[in-house]
Amino acid sequence: MVEPLFQVSVDCAYCQSPFQTSRVRPSFKKATQTDTDFCIHYKEVNPDFYVVRVCPQCGYASTENTASQFTPAQRAVFKEKVADHWTAKDYGGERNWDDALQTYKLALLCAQIKSEKGRVMAGLLHHIAWLYRYKQEEEQEKRFLRFALEAYTSVFETEAGEINNARLMYLLGELSRRLQQYGDAIKWFGRVINDKRIMDAGMIRASREQWAVTREDMLAAKLELPEEMRTS
């Protein structure tokens, strides 16, 4: 019988130790739904649990999007903050929810130490919010959605030329809506809908749909609609 997990080899960027980490076979990635902020819910094994690779020797946690190099200063900080306190622990096999959360929080700490790109930080924060969503821990989910929104906003301001702006602006709108920051949500969705340079039909359609959802949210909360929403 085919197991859902398979092992891949990784060389640690910090201590150079080779180690094994698990991945989920494509045939076992069975989604049951996708939320409007791209969070996928899975039927059985959740591939998100296995995104972060953790070196069992030193505790360095990374993803495939993480930069592979350390500066000498970063090495010193990592040694002081993580490696010197690390008790050998192997996350290479099957992971439960708690394991997944630990690996993401460790990856976030490592990303902060290494001053990773904003989009890497934003992605980790967003994934942690999703983990809390799977557990229906709404307060913690919203806390990390707020952190993710701040990080994505920074990405938009600093890295906008390098990424899919339509998707990023849509996400800024959707996270704002989920955090009941409706004015910001309307602004971001409107930018995707009205910017003639944007050709991403999927994101334009999604922005129209969520603009309408935001309007319903505001009506339900008995909030005053802005001018552009009153006539539609």
Protein backbone atom coordinates (compact mmCIF):
# COMPACT_ATOMS: atom_id res chain seq x y z
CA MET A 1 0.00 0.00 0.00
CA VAL A 2 1.29 3.47 -0.91
CA GLU A 3 1.94 5.72 2.08
CA PRO A 4 0.77 9.38 1.88
CA LEU A 5 4.21 10.68 2.89
CA PHE A 6 7.55 10.35 1.14
CA GLN A 7 10.98 11.52 2.30
CA VAL A 8 13.26 14.06 0.68
CA SER A 9 16.85 14.91 1.67
CA VAL A 10 17.83 18.44 2.66
CA ASP A 11 21.21 19.91 3.60
CA CYS A 12 20.92 22.39 6.48
CA ALA A 13 21.93 25.90 5.44
CA TYR A 14 23.29 26.62 8.93
CA CYS A 15 25.18 23.50 10.08
CA GLN A 16 25.41 21.67 6.72
CA SER A 17 24.00 18.45 8.27
CA PRO A 18 21.95 16.37 5.82
CA PHE A 19 18.50 15.40 7.10
CA GLN A 20 15.22 13.89 5.90
CA THR A 21 11.90 15.71 5.77
CA SER A 22 8.48 14.50 4.63
CA ARG A 23 6.28 15.61 1.75
CA VAL A 24 2.75 14.54 0.83
CA ARG A 25 2.29 12.56 -2.39
CA PRO A 26 0.20 14.50 -4.96
CA SER A 27 -2.39 11.69 -5.10
CA PHE A 28 -3.16 12.28 -1.39
CA LYS A 29 -3.70 16.03 -1.73
CA LYS A 30 -7.50 15.99 -1.72
CA ALA A 31 -9.03 19.42 -1.13
CA THR A 32 -12.56 19.74 0.26
CA GLN A 33 -12.79 23.55 -0.01
CA THR A 34 -10.72 26.67 -0.66
CA ASP A 35 -11.42 29.81 1.37
CA THR A 36 -11.53 33.25 -0.20
CA ASP A 37 -8.01 34.01 1.10
CA PHE A 38 -6.63 30.84 -0.58
CA CYS A 39 -6.63 28.65 2.54
CA ILE A 40 -7.19 25.06 1.37
CA HIS A 41 -8.99 22.54 3.57
CA TYR A 42 -7.96 18.94 2.97
CA LYS A 43 -9.87 15.70 3.30
CA GLU A 44 -7.11 13.60 4.86
CA VAL A 45 -3.44 14.56 5.02
CA ASN A 46 -2.74 18.30 5.06
CA PRO A 47 0.33 19.17 2.90
CA ASP A 48 0.60 22.51 4.73
CA PHE A 49 1.79 20.59 7.80
CA TYR A 50 4.94 19.63 5.87
CA VAL A 51 5.97 22.92 4.25
CA VAL A 52 8.62 23.77 6.86
CA ARG A 53 11.87 21.77 6.96
CA VAL A 54 13.55 21.60 10.39
CA CYS A 55 17.14 20.49 10.91
CA PRO A 56 17.11 18.05 13.85
CA GLN A 57 20.72 18.93 14.74
CA CYS A 58 20.57 22.73 15.13
CA GLY A 59 16.88 23.70 14.82
CA TYR A 60 17.18 25.77 11.65
CA ALA A 61 13.73 25.89 10.04
CA SER A 62 13.21 26.92 6.41
CA THR A 63 10.90 26.57 3.42
CA GLU A 64 11.63 26.24 -0.30
CA ASN A 65 11.24 30.05 -0.55
CA THR A 66 13.87 30.83 2.09
CA ALA A 67 17.28 32.23 1.12
CA SER A 68 19.98 29.58 1.51
CA GLN A 69 22.78 31.83 2.79
CA PHE A 70 23.57 33.24 6.23
CA THR A 71 25.67 36.35 6.78
CA PRO A 72 28.25 36.04 9.59
CA ALA A 73 26.10 38.36 11.75
CA GLN A 74 22.99 36.26 11.12
CA ARG A 75 24.91 33.08 12.00
CA ALA A 76 25.90 34.62 15.33
CA VAL A 77 22.32 35.65 16.16
CA PHE A 78 20.92 32.26 15.13
CA LYS A 79 23.49 30.47 17.32
CA GLU A 80 22.57 32.65 20.31
CA LYS A 81 18.77 32.60 19.81
CA VAL A 82 18.16 29.05 18.51
CA ALA A 83 21.09 26.64 18.12
CA ASP A 84 22.49 27.09 21.65
CA HIS A 85 19.07 26.25 23.16
CA TRP A 86 18.09 23.49 20.73
CA THR A 87 17.35 20.00 22.04
CA ALA A 88 17.61 17.55 19.15
CA LYS A 89 14.09 16.94 17.83
CA ASP A 90 13.17 15.24 14.58
CA TYR A 91 10.18 16.61 12.65
CA GLY A 92 11.02 14.41 9.65
CA GLY A 93 8.13 11.94 10.03
CA GLU A 94 4.37 12.32 10.39
CA ARG A 95 3.25 15.64 11.92
CA ASN A 96 0.15 16.56 13.89
CA TRP A 97 -1.30 20.06 14.21
CA ASP A 98 0.91 20.97 17.18
CA ASP A 99 4.04 19.85 15.31
CA ALA A 100 3.01 21.94 12.30
CA LEU A 101 2.45 25.04 14.45
CA GLN A 102 5.84 24.60 16.15
CA THR A 103 7.61 24.29 12.78
CA TYR A 104 5.95 27.43 11.37
CA LYS A 105 6.73 29.50 14.47
CA LEU A 106 10.33 28.29 14.36
CA ALA A 107 10.50 29.15 10.64
CA LEU A 108 9.14 32.62 11.43
CA LEU A 109 11.84 33.18 14.07
CA CYS A 110 14.54 31.99 11.64
CA ALA A 111 13.13 34.23 8.89
CA GLN A 112 13.24 37.22 11.25
CA ILE A 113 16.85 36.44 12.22
CA LYS A 114 17.82 36.20 8.53
CA SER A 115 15.82 39.29 7.46
CA GLU A 116 14.02 37.25 4.80
CA LYS A 117 12.00 39.00 2.09
CA GLY A 118 8.67 40.42 3.20
CA ARG A 119 6.68 37.98 1.09
CA VAL A 120 8.33 35.01 2.89
CA MET A 121 7.41 36.51 6.28
CA ALA A 122 3.87 37.33 5.12
CA GLY A 123 3.38 33.80 3.82
CA LEU A 124 4.49 32.24 7.13
CA LEU A 125 2.21 34.53 9.15
CA HIS A 126 -0.72 33.78 6.83
CA HIS A 127 -0.12 30.02 7.11
CA ILE A 128 -0.06 30.26 10.92
CA ALA A 129 -3.44 32.04 10.75
CA TRP A 130 -4.74 29.15 8.61
CA LEU A 131 -3.51 26.60 11.16
CA TYR A 132 -5.56 28.37 13.82
CA ARG A 133 -8.53 28.44 11.42
CA TYR A 134 -8.36 24.64 11.04
CA LYS A 135 -8.75 24.46 14.84
CA GLN A 136 -11.44 27.18 14.86
CA GLU A 137 -9.35 29.28 17.25
CA GLU A 138 -10.75 32.54 15.95
CA GLU A 139 -8.94 34.97 18.25
CA GLN A 140 -5.49 33.61 17.35
CA GLU A 141 -6.46 33.34 13.68
CA LYS A 142 -7.39 37.04 13.61
CA ARG A 143 -4.22 37.96 15.48
CA PHE A 144 -2.05 36.33 12.82
CA LEU A 145 -4.23 37.63 9.98
CA ARG A 146 -3.48 41.12 11.33
CA PHE A 147 0.26 40.37 11.32
CA ALA A 148 -0.03 38.93 7.80
CA LEU A 149 -1.96 41.99 6.58
CA GLU A 150 0.78 44.29 7.91
CA ALA A 151 3.44 42.16 6.23
CA TYR A 152 1.58 41.98 2.87
CA THR A 153 1.08 45.78 3.00
CA SER A 154 4.83 46.18 3.44
CA VAL A 155 5.41 43.78 0.52
CA PHE A 156 3.11 45.91 -1.66
CA GLU A 157 5.06 49.04 -0.74
CA THR A 158 8.54 47.54 -1.23
CA GLU A 159 8.39 44.53 -3.59
CA ALA A 160 5.45 45.38 -5.83
CA GLY A 161 7.42 45.21 -9.07
CA GLU A 162 8.47 41.59 -8.52
CA ILE A 163 5.13 39.86 -7.91
CA ASN A 164 1.54 39.43 -9.09
CA ASN A 165 0.10 42.76 -7.97
CA ALA A 166 -3.51 41.80 -8.69
CA ARG A 167 -3.33 38.76 -6.42
CA LEU A 168 -1.54 40.76 -3.71
CA MET A 169 -4.07 43.63 -3.84
CA TYR A 170 -6.94 41.13 -3.76
CA LEU A 171 -5.38 39.50 -0.67
CA LEU A 172 -4.97 42.89 1.01
CA GLY A 173 -8.66 43.49 0.35
CA GLU A 174 -9.78 40.07 1.58
CA LEU A 175 -7.71 40.12 4.78
CA SER A 176 -8.99 43.65 5.47
CA ARG A 177 -12.57 42.39 5.00
CA ARG A 178 -11.99 39.43 7.32
CA LEU A 179 -10.66 41.85 9.95
CA GLN A 180 -13.70 44.13 9.44
CA GLN A 181 -11.54 46.93 8.04
CA TYR A 182 -14.17 47.52 5.39
CA GLY A 183 -12.92 50.87 4.09
CA ASP A 184 -9.54 49.34 3.25
CA ALA A 185 -11.21 46.25 1.76
CA ILE A 186 -13.28 48.41 -0.62
CA LYS A 187 -10.18 50.40 -1.60
CA TRP A 188 -8.11 47.31 -2.50
CA PHE A 189 -10.88 45.46 -4.32
CA GLY A 190 -11.69 48.66 -6.21
CA ARG A 191 -8.07 49.02 -7.33
CA VAL A 192 -8.10 45.52 -8.86
CA ILE A 193 -11.47 46.08 -10.54
CA ASN A 194 -10.70 49.55 -11.92
CA ASP A 195 -7.02 49.38 -12.88
CA LYS A 196 -7.06 48.97 -16.66
CA ARG A 197 -3.50 47.59 -16.63
CA ILE A 198 -4.60 44.50 -14.68
CA MET A 199 -5.34 41.60 -17.03
CA ASP A 200 -5.78 38.86 -14.41
CA ALA A 201 -9.42 37.92 -15.10
CA GLY A 202 -9.60 35.53 -12.12
CA MET A 203 -8.51 38.18 -9.62
CA ILE A 204 -10.79 40.81 -11.18
CA ARG A 205 -13.76 38.44 -10.86
CA ALA A 206 -12.82 37.48 -7.28
CA SER A 207 -12.45 41.17 -6.36
CA ARG A 208 -15.92 41.93 -7.76
CA GLU A 209 -17.39 39.04 -5.76
CA GLN A 210 -15.68 40.07 -2.51
CA TRP A 211 -16.55 43.75 -3.07
CA ALA A 212 -20.20 42.61 -3.09
CA VAL A 213 -19.61 40.46 0.01
CA THR A 214 -18.07 43.47 1.77
CA ARG A 215 -21.19 45.47 0.96
CA GLU A 216 -23.34 42.71 2.52
CA ASP A 217 -21.05 42.60 5.57
CA MET A 218 -21.46 46.37 6.04
CA LEU A 219 -25.23 46.23 5.66
CA ALA A 220 -25.40 43.36 8.18
CA ALA A 221 -23.30 45.41 10.62
CA LYS A 222 -25.60 48.44 10.00
CA LEU A 223 -22.66 50.53 8.83
CA GLU A 224 -23.04 53.47 6.49
CA LEU A 225 -22.13 52.54 2.92
CA PRO A 226 -19.67 54.71 1.01
CA GLU A 227 -21.03 56.63 -1.98
CA GLU A 228 -19.85 54.13 -4.60
CA MET A 229 -21.74 51.29 -2.88
CA ARG A 230 -25.10 52.97 -2.44
CA THR A 231 -26.27 52.76 -6.01
CA SER A 232 -25.26 49.16 -6.70
